[in-house]
Amino acid sequence: MNTPTPAHVDGNAAAGVLREVFAVDLTAAVGQCDNCGCAVVLAEARLYTRAPGMVGRCPGCQAILFRVVRGPDRTWLDLRGLRCIEVSLPDS
């Protein structure tokens, strides 16, 4: 009797890929604004820092692209304003 292959595995299977992605400088990544569709290098976002964290806004439409808040022993990263992020990886 053949056991069917499950359609999914748990999120731990992405650990290696995510470690590779977040080991690079994300300010060089290109993100697409979920509001207006503008493609922008994250370093070109308008960054507001007069808050408990940082807020990056789209230079085209001013929608919030990302939020970053640092605590003493952790960081919160909210990327919901980005439709996607393209990251160039160094050659292995």
Protein backbone atom coordinates (compact mmCIF):
# COMPACT_ATOMS: atom_id res chain seq x y z
CA MET A 1 0.00 0.00 0.00
CA ASN A 2 1.39 3.38 -0.99
CA THR A 3 1.25 6.16 1.56
CA PRO A 4 0.38 9.47 -0.11
CA THR A 5 2.96 12.22 0.13
CA PRO A 6 1.67 15.06 2.31
CA ALA A 7 0.84 18.30 0.49
CA HIS A 8 2.80 20.35 3.02
CA VAL A 9 5.54 20.16 5.63
CA ASP A 10 6.02 22.40 8.65
CA GLY A 11 7.74 25.78 8.42
CA ASN A 12 11.04 24.41 9.71
CA ALA A 13 11.72 23.21 6.18
CA ALA A 14 12.25 26.86 5.14
CA ALA A 15 14.94 27.52 7.78
CA GLY A 16 17.91 27.21 5.41
CA VAL A 17 16.44 29.40 2.67
CA LEU A 18 15.30 32.08 5.13
CA ARG A 19 18.72 32.12 6.79
CA GLU A 20 20.31 32.75 3.38
CA VAL A 21 17.89 35.56 2.55
CA PHE A 22 18.13 37.42 5.84
CA ALA A 23 21.92 37.17 5.90
CA VAL A 24 22.08 39.82 3.16
CA ASP A 25 21.65 43.59 3.26
CA LEU A 26 17.91 44.07 2.81
CA THR A 27 18.35 47.78 2.00
CA ALA A 28 19.69 46.63 -1.39
CA ALA A 29 16.58 44.49 -2.00
CA VAL A 30 13.91 45.62 -4.43
CA GLY A 31 10.38 45.65 -3.06
CA GLN A 32 7.09 46.19 -4.82
CA CYS A 33 4.66 48.51 -3.06
CA ASP A 34 1.40 46.70 -2.39
CA ASN A 35 -0.51 49.98 -2.76
CA CYS A 36 0.74 51.47 -6.05
CA GLY A 37 2.88 48.66 -7.51
CA CYS A 38 6.01 50.83 -7.64
CA ALA A 39 9.27 48.85 -7.55
CA VAL A 40 11.68 50.49 -5.13
CA VAL A 41 15.07 49.67 -3.65
CA LEU A 42 14.38 49.60 0.08
CA ALA A 43 17.23 52.05 0.67
CA GLU A 44 15.19 54.60 -1.31
CA ALA A 45 12.16 54.33 0.98
CA ARG A 46 11.34 57.40 3.03
CA LEU A 47 12.28 56.36 6.54
CA TYR A 48 10.59 57.90 9.57
CA THR A 49 12.34 57.33 12.89
CA ARG A 50 10.43 59.52 15.40
CA ALA A 51 8.55 56.60 16.89
CA PRO A 52 9.32 53.54 18.97
CA GLY A 53 10.58 51.98 15.72
CA MET A 54 11.20 52.87 12.09
CA VAL A 55 8.58 53.21 9.35
CA GLY A 56 9.57 52.96 5.68
CA ARG A 57 7.19 54.61 3.20
CA CYS A 58 6.94 54.30 -0.57
CA PRO A 59 8.57 57.30 -2.31
CA GLY A 60 5.83 57.16 -4.94
CA CYS A 61 2.57 57.05 -2.97
CA GLN A 62 3.68 57.37 0.69
CA ALA A 63 2.04 54.05 1.69
CA ILE A 64 3.77 52.18 4.51
CA LEU A 65 6.11 49.55 3.10
CA PHE A 66 7.66 48.21 6.28
CA ARG A 67 8.00 48.73 10.02
CA VAL A 68 10.92 47.71 12.22
CA VAL A 69 10.91 47.80 16.00
CA ARG A 70 13.92 46.71 18.07
CA GLY A 71 13.77 45.61 21.65
CA PRO A 72 16.65 44.68 23.93
CA ASP A 73 16.64 41.05 22.83
CA ARG A 74 14.44 40.86 19.71
CA THR A 75 13.28 42.67 16.57
CA TRP A 76 9.82 42.88 15.02
CA LEU A 77 9.66 43.22 11.23
CA ASP A 78 6.36 44.01 9.47
CA LEU A 79 6.58 43.81 5.67
CA ARG A 80 2.87 43.74 4.84
CA GLY A 81 3.12 46.89 2.68
CA LEU A 82 5.36 45.03 0.24
CA ARG A 83 3.83 42.73 -2.34
CA CYS A 84 7.17 40.98 -2.74
CA ILE A 85 10.90 41.48 -2.14
CA GLU A 86 13.66 40.55 -4.59
CA VAL A 87 16.99 39.78 -2.94
CA SER A 88 20.25 39.19 -4.82
CA LEU A 89 22.24 36.41 -3.19
CA PRO A 90 26.04 36.24 -3.25
CA ASP A 91 27.58 33.46 -5.31
CA SER A 92 28.27 30.38 -3.25
